[in-house]
Amino acid sequence: MAVPARKTSKMKKRLRRTHQNLKRPEISFDAATGDYRRSHRVSLKGYYKGRNVAEEK
């Protein structure tokens, strides 16, 4: 069974884990509907880039 030759330093361990964080979603204000929505997604009212692309339910 393989065993590390040296103890991994705190810096090396933290550098390796820097990409394991959670990212908050990009939220922007949609002027067409007056609501907030995630970028590059259709709003809850069916608007995308200022146009109605889906029917409201």
N, C-alpha and C. Protein backbone atom coordinates (compact mmCIF):
# COMPACT_ATOMS: atom_id res chain seq x y z
N MET A 1 0.84 -1.18 0.00
CA MET A 1 0.00 0.00 0.00
C MET A 1 0.88 1.24 0.00
N ALA A 2 0.57 2.21 -0.85
CA ALA A 2 1.39 3.42 -0.96
C ALA A 2 1.16 4.35 0.22
N VAL A 3 2.27 4.89 0.70
CA VAL A 3 2.23 5.82 1.84
C VAL A 3 2.98 7.08 1.42
N PRO A 4 2.43 8.27 1.70
CA PRO A 4 3.13 9.50 1.34
C PRO A 4 4.47 9.61 2.07
N ALA A 5 5.47 10.11 1.37
CA ALA A 5 6.80 10.24 1.96
C ALA A 5 6.84 11.37 2.97
N ARG A 6 6.05 12.45 2.72
CA ARG A 6 6.05 13.60 3.62
C ARG A 6 4.63 14.04 3.92
N LYS A 7 4.50 14.76 5.00
CA LYS A 7 3.21 15.33 5.35
C LYS A 7 2.89 16.46 4.36
N THR A 8 1.65 16.52 3.89
CA THR A 8 1.23 17.59 3.00
C THR A 8 1.05 18.87 3.81
N SER A 9 1.69 19.93 3.38
CA SER A 9 1.63 21.19 4.14
C SER A 9 0.23 21.80 4.03
N LYS A 10 -0.06 22.72 4.95
CA LYS A 10 -1.36 23.39 4.95
C LYS A 10 -1.56 24.17 3.66
N MET A 11 -0.50 24.80 3.17
CA MET A 11 -0.60 25.60 1.96
C MET A 11 -0.93 24.73 0.74
N LYS A 12 -0.23 23.61 0.60
CA LYS A 12 -0.50 22.72 -0.54
C LYS A 12 -1.91 22.15 -0.48
N LYS A 13 -2.33 21.80 0.71
CA LYS A 13 -3.67 21.24 0.89
C LYS A 13 -4.73 22.28 0.54
N ARG A 14 -4.54 23.52 0.98
CA ARG A 14 -5.51 24.58 0.70
C ARG A 14 -5.51 24.99 -0.76
N LEU A 15 -4.32 24.99 -1.38
CA LEU A 15 -4.26 25.31 -2.81
C LEU A 15 -5.00 24.27 -3.64
N ARG A 16 -4.92 23.02 -3.23
CA ARG A 16 -5.60 21.96 -3.95
C ARG A 16 -7.12 22.08 -3.82
N ARG A 17 -7.57 22.59 -2.69
CA ARG A 17 -9.01 22.67 -2.42
C ARG A 17 -9.64 23.99 -2.82
N THR A 18 -8.91 24.89 -3.43
CA THR A 18 -9.47 26.20 -3.77
C THR A 18 -10.62 26.12 -4.76
N HIS A 19 -10.66 25.10 -5.60
CA HIS A 19 -11.69 24.98 -6.62
C HIS A 19 -12.92 24.20 -6.16
N GLN A 20 -12.94 23.79 -4.91
CA GLN A 20 -14.04 22.99 -4.41
C GLN A 20 -15.12 23.82 -3.75
N ASN A 21 -15.11 25.14 -3.96
CA ASN A 21 -16.08 26.00 -3.29
C ASN A 21 -17.38 26.08 -4.08
N LEU A 22 -18.42 26.53 -3.42
CA LEU A 22 -19.71 26.73 -4.07
C LEU A 22 -19.75 28.13 -4.67
N LYS A 23 -20.34 28.24 -5.83
CA LYS A 23 -20.46 29.54 -6.49
C LYS A 23 -21.90 30.00 -6.44
N ARG A 24 -22.09 31.26 -6.16
CA ARG A 24 -23.45 31.78 -6.12
C ARG A 24 -23.95 32.01 -7.55
N PRO A 25 -25.22 31.78 -7.80
CA PRO A 25 -25.74 31.96 -9.16
C PRO A 25 -25.77 33.44 -9.54
N GLU A 26 -25.53 33.71 -10.80
CA GLU A 26 -25.58 35.09 -11.31
C GLU A 26 -27.04 35.49 -11.47
N ILE A 27 -27.45 36.49 -10.73
CA ILE A 27 -28.84 36.95 -10.77
C ILE A 27 -28.84 38.39 -11.27
N SER A 28 -29.68 38.69 -12.24
CA SER A 28 -29.76 40.04 -12.79
C SER A 28 -31.22 40.51 -12.78
N PHE A 29 -31.40 41.81 -12.85
CA PHE A 29 -32.73 42.39 -12.86
C PHE A 29 -33.23 42.44 -14.29
N ASP A 30 -34.42 41.92 -14.53
CA ASP A 30 -35.03 41.90 -15.87
C ASP A 30 -35.99 43.09 -15.96
N ALA A 31 -35.64 44.05 -16.78
CA ALA A 31 -36.46 45.26 -16.90
C ALA A 31 -37.80 44.98 -17.58
N ALA A 32 -37.87 43.98 -18.44
CA ALA A 32 -39.10 43.68 -19.17
C ALA A 32 -40.20 43.20 -18.22
N THR A 33 -39.84 42.40 -17.23
CA THR A 33 -40.84 41.85 -16.32
C THR A 33 -40.81 42.51 -14.95
N GLY A 34 -39.71 43.17 -14.61
CA GLY A 34 -39.58 43.78 -13.30
C GLY A 34 -39.19 42.80 -12.22
N ASP A 35 -38.73 41.62 -12.59
CA ASP A 35 -38.33 40.59 -11.65
C ASP A 35 -36.84 40.31 -11.79
N TYR A 36 -36.31 39.57 -10.82
CA TYR A 36 -34.95 39.10 -10.90
C TYR A 36 -34.95 37.72 -11.53
N ARG A 37 -33.90 37.43 -12.32
CA ARG A 37 -33.81 36.12 -12.96
C ARG A 37 -32.34 35.76 -13.11
N ARG A 38 -32.09 34.47 -13.33
CA ARG A 38 -30.73 34.00 -13.56
C ARG A 38 -30.32 34.31 -14.98
N SER A 39 -29.04 34.55 -15.18
CA SER A 39 -28.53 34.90 -16.50
C SER A 39 -28.71 33.75 -17.49
N HIS A 40 -29.01 34.08 -18.73
CA HIS A 40 -29.16 33.13 -19.83
C HIS A 40 -30.27 32.11 -19.60
N ARG A 41 -31.31 32.51 -18.88
CA ARG A 41 -32.45 31.62 -18.64
C ARG A 41 -33.75 32.38 -18.81
N VAL A 42 -34.78 31.69 -19.15
CA VAL A 42 -36.09 32.30 -19.32
C VAL A 42 -36.64 32.67 -17.95
N SER A 43 -37.25 33.86 -17.85
CA SER A 43 -37.82 34.29 -16.58
C SER A 43 -39.07 33.48 -16.26
N LEU A 44 -39.57 33.65 -15.06
CA LEU A 44 -40.76 32.90 -14.64
C LEU A 44 -41.99 33.29 -15.46
N LYS A 45 -41.99 34.49 -16.01
CA LYS A 45 -43.12 34.94 -16.82
C LYS A 45 -42.95 34.60 -18.30
N GLY A 46 -41.86 33.93 -18.67
CA GLY A 46 -41.68 33.47 -20.04
C GLY A 46 -40.92 34.41 -20.94
N TYR A 47 -40.19 35.38 -20.39
CA TYR A 47 -39.45 36.34 -21.20
C TYR A 47 -37.98 35.97 -21.25
N TYR A 48 -37.37 36.20 -22.43
CA TYR A 48 -35.94 36.01 -22.62
C TYR A 48 -35.47 37.10 -23.57
N LYS A 49 -34.49 37.87 -23.16
CA LYS A 49 -33.95 39.01 -23.93
C LYS A 49 -35.05 39.99 -24.31
N GLY A 50 -36.02 40.22 -23.43
CA GLY A 50 -37.07 41.20 -23.66
C GLY A 50 -38.23 40.71 -24.50
N ARG A 51 -38.17 39.46 -24.98
CA ARG A 51 -39.26 38.93 -25.81
C ARG A 51 -39.97 37.81 -25.06
N ASN A 52 -41.24 37.66 -25.34
CA ASN A 52 -42.00 36.57 -24.74
C ASN A 52 -41.77 35.32 -25.58
N VAL A 53 -41.12 34.31 -24.99
CA VAL A 53 -40.81 33.10 -25.73
C VAL A 53 -41.63 31.91 -25.26
N ALA A 54 -42.34 32.05 -24.17
CA ALA A 54 -43.16 30.97 -23.65
C ALA A 54 -44.49 31.53 -23.19
N GLU A 55 -45.51 30.71 -23.29
CA GLU A 55 -46.83 31.15 -22.88
C GLU A 55 -46.91 31.13 -21.35
N GLU A 56 -47.61 32.12 -20.79
CA GLU A 56 -47.82 32.14 -19.34
C GLU A 56 -48.85 31.08 -18.97
N LYS A 57 -48.62 30.48 -17.83
CA LYS A 57 -49.58 29.46 -17.36
C LYS A 57 -50.50 30.07 -16.32
